Amino acid sequence: MKIRKSKAPRIQPDAVIKVALEILDAEGLEHVTLRHIAEKIGVQAPALYWYFKDKQDLTDDMAQAILTSADLDNATAPPNIGEWPIWLTDLMHSLHNALISHREGGRVVAGATFGRAHALEKILVLIARVLKEAGFDSLNAGLAAGTTIDYVWGFVIEEQAGHGPEQDISASPNSPENQSVRTTSELEAFLSDMMKVYHKLTPAEIFDWGLQVIISGLKSKLKETHVPNEKKEYAM
């Protein structure tokens, strides 16, 4: 008697990820489960385990899809290595736009691993290589790449969670919850004026402000490494 070998069910992994992203946008990351996806596509949940052993595999492939849809897997080094600040700015804005294109996109990509999210690894390695060619040593190039990318999805996670200063922070000055921070009328006026200016900025402008602070710091770090040995003790 011959024992039939079980065959993988006829499921297209790309179709599974498409449904996963649809659930993500409609219901949020907590509802993206293999069981829920199976219900959506009309199969039994175990059938998906041929392609995804757990939710981490699913998250990795979702991150890969988010990044490749923005063509970030095809990112290349700048033709002129001296223009790395402009190149890095444009690349990080593209990454920011890719993450906000999906609900909780920041959480998805931040939670991905290099195992299946190959585009994520490629972006990180590419940035490190470009910075190394620009003059950073291997350690600082790697740290700079990681720090810059961490800023992007950290910002997006906060942006998509709706966190940030309240626009009407000066309202109800006598309310109990505001007593701890509104100790003087001067502080209240300062916060009110700051919020009026802050809320004139778009999320993209706020994002770029922080990004430029990081890039300015990297420029200073690069200059520091090029200071002659006898002068390095003064390069703080």
C-alpha atoms as a PDB file:
ATOM      1  CA  MET A   1       0.000   0.000   0.000  1.00  0.00           C
ATOM      2  CA  LYS A   2       1.452   3.312  -1.088  1.00  0.00           C
ATOM      3  CA  ILE A   3       1.352   6.210   1.313  1.00  0.00           C
ATOM      4  CA  ARG A   4       0.464   9.415  -0.434  1.00  0.00           C
ATOM      5  CA  LYS A   5       2.634  12.344   0.406  1.00  0.00           C
ATOM      6  CA  SER A   6       0.714  15.407   1.393  1.00  0.00           C
ATOM      7  CA  LYS A   7       1.047  18.264  -1.044  1.00  0.00           C
ATOM      8  CA  ALA A   8       1.225  21.934  -0.341  1.00  0.00           C
ATOM      9  CA  PRO A   9      -2.169  23.566  -0.877  1.00  0.00           C
ATOM     10  CA  ARG A  10      -2.547  25.732  -3.956  1.00  0.00           C
ATOM     11  CA  ILE A  11      -2.203  29.099  -2.284  1.00  0.00           C
ATOM     12  CA  GLN A  12      -0.327  32.055  -3.661  1.00  0.00           C
ATOM     13  CA  PRO A  13       1.789  33.605  -0.863  1.00  0.00           C
ATOM     14  CA  ASP A  14       1.531  37.023  -2.547  1.00  0.00           C
ATOM     15  CA  ALA A  15      -2.266  36.780  -2.357  1.00  0.00           C
ATOM     16  CA  VAL A  16      -1.991  35.976   1.350  1.00  0.00           C
ATOM     17  CA  ILE A  17       0.137  39.072   1.960  1.00  0.00           C
ATOM     18  CA  LYS A  18      -2.305  41.186  -0.051  1.00  0.00           C
ATOM     19  CA  VAL A  19      -5.136  40.059   2.229  1.00  0.00           C
ATOM     20  CA  ALA A  20      -2.944  40.594   5.300  1.00  0.00           C
ATOM     21  CA  LEU A  21      -2.316  44.203   4.278  1.00  0.00           C
ATOM     22  CA  GLU A  22      -6.029  44.719   3.626  1.00  0.00           C
ATOM     23  CA  ILE A  23      -6.801  43.484   7.143  1.00  0.00           C
ATOM     24  CA  LEU A  24      -4.017  45.710   8.493  1.00  0.00           C
ATOM     25  CA  ASP A  25      -5.527  48.806   6.887  1.00  0.00           C
ATOM     26  CA  ALA A  26      -9.098  47.965   7.854  1.00  0.00           C
ATOM     27  CA  GLU A  27      -8.689  46.503  11.340  1.00  0.00           C
ATOM     28  CA  GLY A  28      -5.159  47.028  12.604  1.00  0.00           C
ATOM     29  CA  LEU A  29      -2.111  44.854  13.231  1.00  0.00           C
ATOM     30  CA  GLU A  30      -3.618  42.966  16.180  1.00  0.00           C
ATOM     31  CA  HIS A  31      -6.215  41.455  13.841  1.00  0.00           C
ATOM     32  CA  VAL A  32      -3.686  40.253  11.290  1.00  0.00           C
ATOM     33  CA  THR A  33      -3.548  36.563  12.174  1.00  0.00           C
ATOM     34  CA  LEU A  34      -3.139  33.448  10.066  1.00  0.00           C
ATOM     35  CA  ARG A  35      -6.574  32.265  11.216  1.00  0.00           C
ATOM     36  CA  HIS A  36      -8.237  35.530  10.194  1.00  0.00           C
ATOM     37  CA  ILE A  37      -6.476  35.524   6.837  1.00  0.00           C
ATOM     38  CA  ALA A  38      -7.529  31.899   6.242  1.00  0.00           C
ATOM     39  CA  GLU A  39     -11.141  32.882   6.863  1.00  0.00           C
ATOM     40  CA  LYS A  40     -10.842  35.719   4.359  1.00  0.00           C
ATOM     41  CA  ILE A  41      -9.468  33.560   1.565  1.00  0.00           C
ATOM     42  CA  GLY A  42     -11.629  30.540   2.347  1.00  0.00           C
ATOM     43  CA  VAL A  43      -9.088  27.949   3.477  1.00  0.00           C
ATOM     44  CA  GLN A  44      -8.249  26.188   6.704  1.00  0.00           C
ATOM     45  CA  ALA A  45      -5.648  27.932   8.843  1.00  0.00           C
ATOM     46  CA  PRO A  46      -3.202  24.962   8.779  1.00  0.00           C
ATOM     47  CA  ALA A  47      -2.938  25.376   5.011  1.00  0.00           C
ATOM     48  CA  LEU A  48      -1.071  28.644   5.537  1.00  0.00           C
ATOM     49  CA  TYR A  49       1.583  26.988   7.674  1.00  0.00           C
ATOM     50  CA  TRP A  50       3.104  25.562   4.496  1.00  0.00           C
ATOM     51  CA  TYR A  51       4.286  29.094   3.753  1.00  0.00           C
ATOM     52  CA  PHE A  52       4.302  30.926   7.105  1.00  0.00           C
ATOM     53  CA  LYS A  53       5.401  29.089  10.219  1.00  0.00           C
ATOM     54  CA  ASP A  54       4.254  31.920  12.492  1.00  0.00           C
ATOM     55  CA  LYS A  55       3.209  35.560  12.582  1.00  0.00           C
ATOM     56  CA  GLN A  56       6.840  36.675  12.372  1.00  0.00           C
ATOM     57  CA  ASP A  57       7.103  35.194   8.889  1.00  0.00           C
ATOM     58  CA  LEU A  58       3.889  36.970   7.993  1.00  0.00           C
ATOM     59  CA  THR A  59       5.141  40.284   9.396  1.00  0.00           C
ATOM     60  CA  ASP A  60       8.421  39.942   7.525  1.00  0.00           C
ATOM     61  CA  ASP A  61       6.638  39.378   4.224  1.00  0.00           C
ATOM     62  CA  MET A  62       4.265  42.274   4.906  1.00  0.00           C
ATOM     63  CA  ALA A  63       7.250  44.537   5.552  1.00  0.00           C
ATOM     64  CA  GLN A  64       8.878  43.300   2.365  1.00  0.00           C
ATOM     65  CA  ALA A  65       5.709  44.084   0.409  1.00  0.00           C
ATOM     66  CA  ILE A  66       5.462  47.591   1.899  1.00  0.00           C
ATOM     67  CA  LEU A  67       9.070  48.379   1.018  1.00  0.00           C
ATOM     68  CA  THR A  68       9.039  46.870  -2.463  1.00  0.00           C
ATOM     69  CA  SER A  69       5.792  48.628  -3.358  1.00  0.00           C
ATOM     70  CA  ALA A  70       7.725  51.879  -2.908  1.00  0.00           C
ATOM     71  CA  ASP A  71      10.609  50.469  -4.997  1.00  0.00           C
ATOM     72  CA  LEU A  72      12.944  50.763  -2.015  1.00  0.00           C
ATOM     73  CA  ASP A  73      14.443  47.357  -2.784  1.00  0.00           C
ATOM     74  CA  ASN A  74      15.901  48.956  -5.921  1.00  0.00           C
ATOM     75  CA  ALA A  75      17.561  51.866  -4.141  1.00  0.00           C
ATOM     76  CA  THR A  76      21.076  52.602  -5.367  1.00  0.00           C
ATOM     77  CA  ALA A  77      24.036  54.674  -4.176  1.00  0.00           C
ATOM     78  CA  PRO A  78      24.269  58.310  -5.290  1.00  0.00           C
ATOM     79  CA  PRO A  79      26.302  58.946  -8.479  1.00  0.00           C
ATOM     80  CA  ASN A  80      28.271  61.598  -6.592  1.00  0.00           C
ATOM     81  CA  ILE A  81      29.238  60.272  -3.168  1.00  0.00           C
ATOM     82  CA  GLY A  82      29.758  63.830  -1.929  1.00  0.00           C
ATOM     83  CA  GLU A  83      26.001  64.356  -2.194  1.00  0.00           C
ATOM     84  CA  TRP A  84      25.241  61.670   0.391  1.00  0.00           C
ATOM     85  CA  PRO A  85      23.304  64.107   2.661  1.00  0.00           C
ATOM     86  CA  ILE A  86      20.804  64.885  -0.117  1.00  0.00           C
ATOM     87  CA  TRP A  87      20.640  61.218  -1.122  1.00  0.00           C
ATOM     88  CA  LEU A  88      20.062  60.083   2.458  1.00  0.00           C
ATOM     89  CA  THR A  89      17.373  62.730   2.948  1.00  0.00           C
ATOM     90  CA  ASP A  90      15.501  61.606  -0.160  1.00  0.00           C
ATOM     91  CA  LEU A  91      15.831  57.919   0.752  1.00  0.00           C
ATOM     92  CA  MET A  92      14.506  58.440   4.276  1.00  0.00           C
ATOM     93  CA  HIS A  93      11.577  60.502   2.988  1.00  0.00           C
ATOM     94  CA  SER A  94      10.774  57.643   0.605  1.00  0.00           C
ATOM     95  CA  LEU A  95      10.933  55.208   3.527  1.00  0.00           C
ATOM     96  CA  HIS A  96       8.701  57.483   5.618  1.00  0.00           C
ATOM     97  CA  ASN A  97       6.145  57.703   2.806  1.00  0.00           C
ATOM     98  CA  ALA A  98       6.186  53.925   2.355  1.00  0.00           C
ATOM     99  CA  LEU A  99       5.495  53.297   6.041  1.00  0.00           C
ATOM    100  CA  ILE A 100       2.628  55.778   6.315  1.00  0.00           C
ATOM    101  CA  SER A 101       0.984  54.285   3.226  1.00  0.00           C
ATOM    102  CA  HIS A 102      -0.402  51.534   5.477  1.00  0.00           C
ATOM    103  CA  ARG A 103      -2.054  51.677   8.862  1.00  0.00           C
ATOM    104  CA  GLU A 104       0.581  50.813  11.499  1.00  0.00           C
ATOM    105  CA  GLY A 105       3.153  50.483   8.743  1.00  0.00           C
ATOM    106  CA  GLY A 106       5.799  51.713  11.168  1.00  0.00           C
ATOM    107  CA  ARG A 107       5.101  48.887  13.582  1.00  0.00           C
ATOM    108  CA  VAL A 108       5.091  46.299  10.819  1.00  0.00           C
ATOM    109  CA  VAL A 109       8.471  47.261   9.382  1.00  0.00           C
ATOM    110  CA  ALA A 110      10.059  47.966  12.770  1.00  0.00           C
ATOM    111  CA  GLY A 111       9.024  44.477  13.882  1.00  0.00           C
ATOM    112  CA  ALA A 112      10.411  42.745  10.796  1.00  0.00           C
ATOM    113  CA  THR A 113      13.610  40.705  10.606  1.00  0.00           C
ATOM    114  CA  PHE A 114      16.149  40.243   7.852  1.00  0.00           C
ATOM    115  CA  GLY A 115      15.100  36.614   7.445  1.00  0.00           C
ATOM    116  CA  ARG A 116      12.423  37.424   4.867  1.00  0.00           C
ATOM    117  CA  ALA A 117      12.339  41.226   4.756  1.00  0.00           C
ATOM    118  CA  HIS A 118      15.277  41.383   2.362  1.00  0.00           C
ATOM    119  CA  ALA A 119      14.579  44.963   1.272  1.00  0.00           C
ATOM    120  CA  LEU A 120      15.043  46.122   4.860  1.00  0.00           C
ATOM    121  CA  GLU A 121      18.470  44.522   5.033  1.00  0.00           C
ATOM    122  CA  LYS A 122      19.403  45.956   1.642  1.00  0.00           C
ATOM    123  CA  ILE A 123      18.499  49.508   2.698  1.00  0.00           C
ATOM    124  CA  LEU A 124      20.515  49.256   5.915  1.00  0.00           C
ATOM    125  CA  VAL A 125      23.578  47.808   4.178  1.00  0.00           C
ATOM    126  CA  LEU A 126      23.324  50.321   1.336  1.00  0.00           C
ATOM    127  CA  ILE A 127      23.300  53.297   3.707  1.00  0.00           C
ATOM    128  CA  ALA A 128      26.255  51.917   5.645  1.00  0.00           C
ATOM    129  CA  ARG A 129      28.232  51.332   2.437  1.00  0.00           C
ATOM    130  CA  VAL A 130      27.492  54.810   1.100  1.00  0.00           C
ATOM    131  CA  LEU A 131      28.548  56.435   4.375  1.00  0.00           C
ATOM    132  CA  LYS A 132      31.695  54.316   4.506  1.00  0.00           C
ATOM    133  CA  GLU A 133      32.589  55.440   0.982  1.00  0.00           C
ATOM    134  CA  ALA A 134      31.878  59.027   2.067  1.00  0.00           C
ATOM    135  CA  GLY A 135      34.580  58.741   4.733  1.00  0.00           C
ATOM    136  CA  PHE A 136      33.052  57.147   7.839  1.00  0.00           C
ATOM    137  CA  ASP A 137      34.758  54.120   9.318  1.00  0.00           C
ATOM    138  CA  SER A 138      32.837  50.834   9.386  1.00  0.00           C
ATOM    139  CA  LEU A 139      31.599  51.236  12.956  1.00  0.00           C
ATOM    140  CA  ASN A 140      30.319  54.786  12.551  1.00  0.00           C
ATOM    141  CA  ALA A 141      28.803  54.013   9.141  1.00  0.00           C
ATOM    142  CA  GLY A 142      26.845  51.115  10.653  1.00  0.00           C
ATOM    143  CA  LEU A 143      25.759  53.108  13.695  1.00  0.00           C
ATOM    144  CA  ALA A 144      24.690  56.021  11.495  1.00  0.00           C
ATOM    145  CA  ALA A 145      22.638  53.756   9.227  1.00  0.00           C
ATOM    146  CA  GLY A 146      20.882  52.111  12.165  1.00  0.00           C
ATOM    147  CA  THR A 147      20.228  55.400  13.952  1.00  0.00           C
ATOM    148  CA  THR A 148      18.766  57.043  10.855  1.00  0.00           C
ATOM    149  CA  ILE A 149      16.429  54.149  10.098  1.00  0.00           C
ATOM    150  CA  ASP A 150      15.408  53.867  13.763  1.00  0.00           C
ATOM    151  CA  TYR A 151      14.429  57.541  13.665  1.00  0.00           C
ATOM    152  CA  VAL A 152      12.185  56.970  10.660  1.00  0.00           C
ATOM    153  CA  TRP A 153      10.066  54.185  12.035  1.00  0.00           C
ATOM    154  CA  GLY A 154      10.132  55.589  15.550  1.00  0.00           C
ATOM    155  CA  PHE A 155       8.682  58.822  14.151  1.00  0.00           C
ATOM    156  CA  VAL A 156       6.102  56.939  12.072  1.00  0.00           C
ATOM    157  CA  ILE A 157       4.989  54.782  15.006  1.00  0.00           C
ATOM    158  CA  GLU A 158       4.346  57.929  17.049  1.00  0.00           C
ATOM    159  CA  GLU A 159       2.749  59.675  14.068  1.00  0.00           C
ATOM    160  CA  GLN A 160       0.374  56.795  13.369  1.00  0.00           C
ATOM    161  CA  ALA A 161      -0.456  56.370  17.041  1.00  0.00           C
ATOM    162  CA  GLY A 162      -1.557  60.006  17.144  1.00  0.00           C
ATOM    163  CA  HIS A 163       0.919  60.918  19.871  1.00  0.00           C
ATOM    164  CA  GLY A 164       2.300  64.423  20.212  1.00  0.00           C
ATOM    165  CA  PRO A 165       1.634  67.796  21.854  1.00  0.00           C
ATOM    166  CA  GLU A 166      -2.022  68.780  22.084  1.00  0.00           C
ATOM    167  CA  GLN A 167      -3.071  71.814  20.087  1.00  0.00           C
ATOM    168  CA  ASP A 168      -5.159  73.294  22.905  1.00  0.00           C
ATOM    169  CA  ILE A 169      -2.515  72.779  25.585  1.00  0.00           C
ATOM    170  CA  SER A 170      -3.269  76.194  27.101  1.00  0.00           C
ATOM    171  CA  ALA A 171      -6.965  75.431  27.618  1.00  0.00           C
ATOM    172  CA  SER A 172      -8.437  74.943  31.081  1.00  0.00           C
ATOM    173  CA  PRO A 173      -5.417  76.202  33.037  1.00  0.00           C
ATOM    174  CA  ASN A 174      -7.048  75.265  36.356  1.00  0.00           C
ATOM    175  CA  SER A 175      -7.829  71.664  35.413  1.00  0.00           C
ATOM    176  CA  PRO A 176      -6.149  69.135  37.760  1.00  0.00           C
ATOM    177  CA  GLU A 177      -4.327  67.327  34.952  1.00  0.00           C
ATOM    178  CA  ASN A 178      -2.598  70.556  33.877  1.00  0.00           C
ATOM    179  CA  GLN A 179      -1.587  71.837  37.300  1.00  0.00           C
ATOM    180  CA  SER A 180       1.688  69.897  37.329  1.00  0.00           C
ATOM    181  CA  VAL A 181       2.978  71.568  34.154  1.00  0.00           C
ATOM    182  CA  ARG A 182       1.333  74.995  34.292  1.00  0.00           C
ATOM    183  CA  THR A 183       3.107  76.359  37.327  1.00  0.00           C
ATOM    184  CA  THR A 184       3.325  79.954  36.078  1.00  0.00           C
ATOM    185  CA  SER A 185       1.541  82.160  33.609  1.00  0.00           C
ATOM    186  CA  GLU A 186       4.874  82.605  31.830  1.00  0.00           C
ATOM    187  CA  LEU A 187       5.172  78.861  31.183  1.00  0.00           C
ATOM    188  CA  GLU A 188       1.567  78.742  30.006  1.00  0.00           C
ATOM    189  CA  ALA A 189       2.156  81.566  27.531  1.00  0.00           C
ATOM    190  CA  PHE A 190       5.349  79.939  26.268  1.00  0.00           C
ATOM    191  CA  LEU A 191       3.660  76.589  25.640  1.00  0.00           C
ATOM    192  CA  SER A 192       0.700  78.261  23.966  1.00  0.00           C
ATOM    193  CA  ASP A 193       2.931  80.251  21.606  1.00  0.00           C
ATOM    194  CA  MET A 194       5.029  77.175  20.841  1.00  0.00           C
ATOM    195  CA  MET A 195       1.979  75.108  19.943  1.00  0.00           C
ATOM    196  CA  LYS A 196       0.645  77.802  17.620  1.00  0.00           C
ATOM    197  CA  VAL A 197       3.841  77.573  15.585  1.00  0.00           C
ATOM    198  CA  TYR A 198       4.216  73.798  15.932  1.00  0.00           C
ATOM    199  CA  HIS A 199       0.787  73.051  14.517  1.00  0.00           C
ATOM    200  CA  LYS A 200       1.442  75.164  11.435  1.00  0.00           C
ATOM    201  CA  LEU A 201       3.936  72.500  10.359  1.00  0.00           C
ATOM    202  CA  THR A 202       2.927  69.400   8.431  1.00  0.00           C
ATOM    203  CA  PRO A 203       3.999  65.958   9.693  1.00  0.00           C
ATOM    204  CA  ALA A 204       6.434  65.803   6.751  1.00  0.00           C
ATOM    205  CA  GLU A 205       8.036  69.099   7.804  1.00  0.00           C
ATOM    206  CA  ILE A 206       8.351  67.955  11.402  1.00  0.00           C
ATOM    207  CA  PHE A 207       9.839  64.671  10.211  1.00  0.00           C
ATOM    208  CA  ASP A 208      12.346  66.481   8.012  1.00  0.00           C
ATOM    209  CA  TRP A 209      13.413  68.767  10.862  1.00  0.00           C
ATOM    210  CA  GLY A 210      14.487  65.804  12.966  1.00  0.00           C
ATOM    211  CA  LEU A 211      16.077  64.092   9.983  1.00  0.00           C
ATOM    212  CA  GLN A 212      18.162  67.163   9.183  1.00  0.00           C
ATOM    213  CA  VAL A 213      19.349  67.322  12.800  1.00  0.00           C
ATOM    214  CA  ILE A 214      20.633  63.757  12.443  1.00  0.00           C
ATOM    215  CA  ILE A 215      22.288  64.449   9.095  1.00  0.00           C
ATOM    216  CA  SER A 216      23.883  67.648  10.429  1.00  0.00           C
ATOM    217  CA  GLY A 217      25.281  65.596  13.289  1.00  0.00           C
ATOM    218  CA  LEU A 218      26.667  63.058  10.833  1.00  0.00           C
ATOM    219  CA  LYS A 219      28.343  65.839   8.842  1.00  0.00           C
ATOM    220  CA  SER A 220      30.003  67.089  12.036  1.00  0.00           C
ATOM    221  CA  LYS A 221      31.077  63.563  12.935  1.00  0.00           C
ATOM    222  CA  LEU A 222      32.614  63.122   9.500  1.00  0.00           C
ATOM    223  CA  LYS A 223      34.546  66.393   9.805  1.00  0.00           C
ATOM    224  CA  GLU A 224      35.752  65.308  13.231  1.00  0.00           C
ATOM    225  CA  THR A 225      37.264  62.117  11.825  1.00  0.00           C
ATOM    226  CA  HIS A 226      39.205  64.156   9.271  1.00  0.00           C
ATOM    227  CA  VAL A 227      40.829  66.467  11.815  1.00  0.00           C
ATOM    228  CA  PRO A 228      44.647  65.964  11.939  1.00  0.00           C
ATOM    229  CA  ASN A 229      45.809  63.847  14.885  1.00  0.00           C
ATOM    230  CA  GLU A 230      47.406  66.744  16.771  1.00  0.00           C
ATOM    231  CA  LYS A 231      44.095  68.665  16.667  1.00  0.00           C
ATOM    232  CA  LYS A 232      41.614  65.849  17.376  1.00  0.00           C
ATOM    233  CA  GLU A 233      41.607  66.523  21.118  1.00  0.00           C
ATOM    234  CA  TYR A 234      39.846  69.843  20.397  1.00  0.00           C
ATOM    235  CA  ALA A 235      37.239  68.346  18.036  1.00  0.00           C
ATOM    236  CA  MET A 236      34.338  67.874  20.426  1.00  0.00           C
END
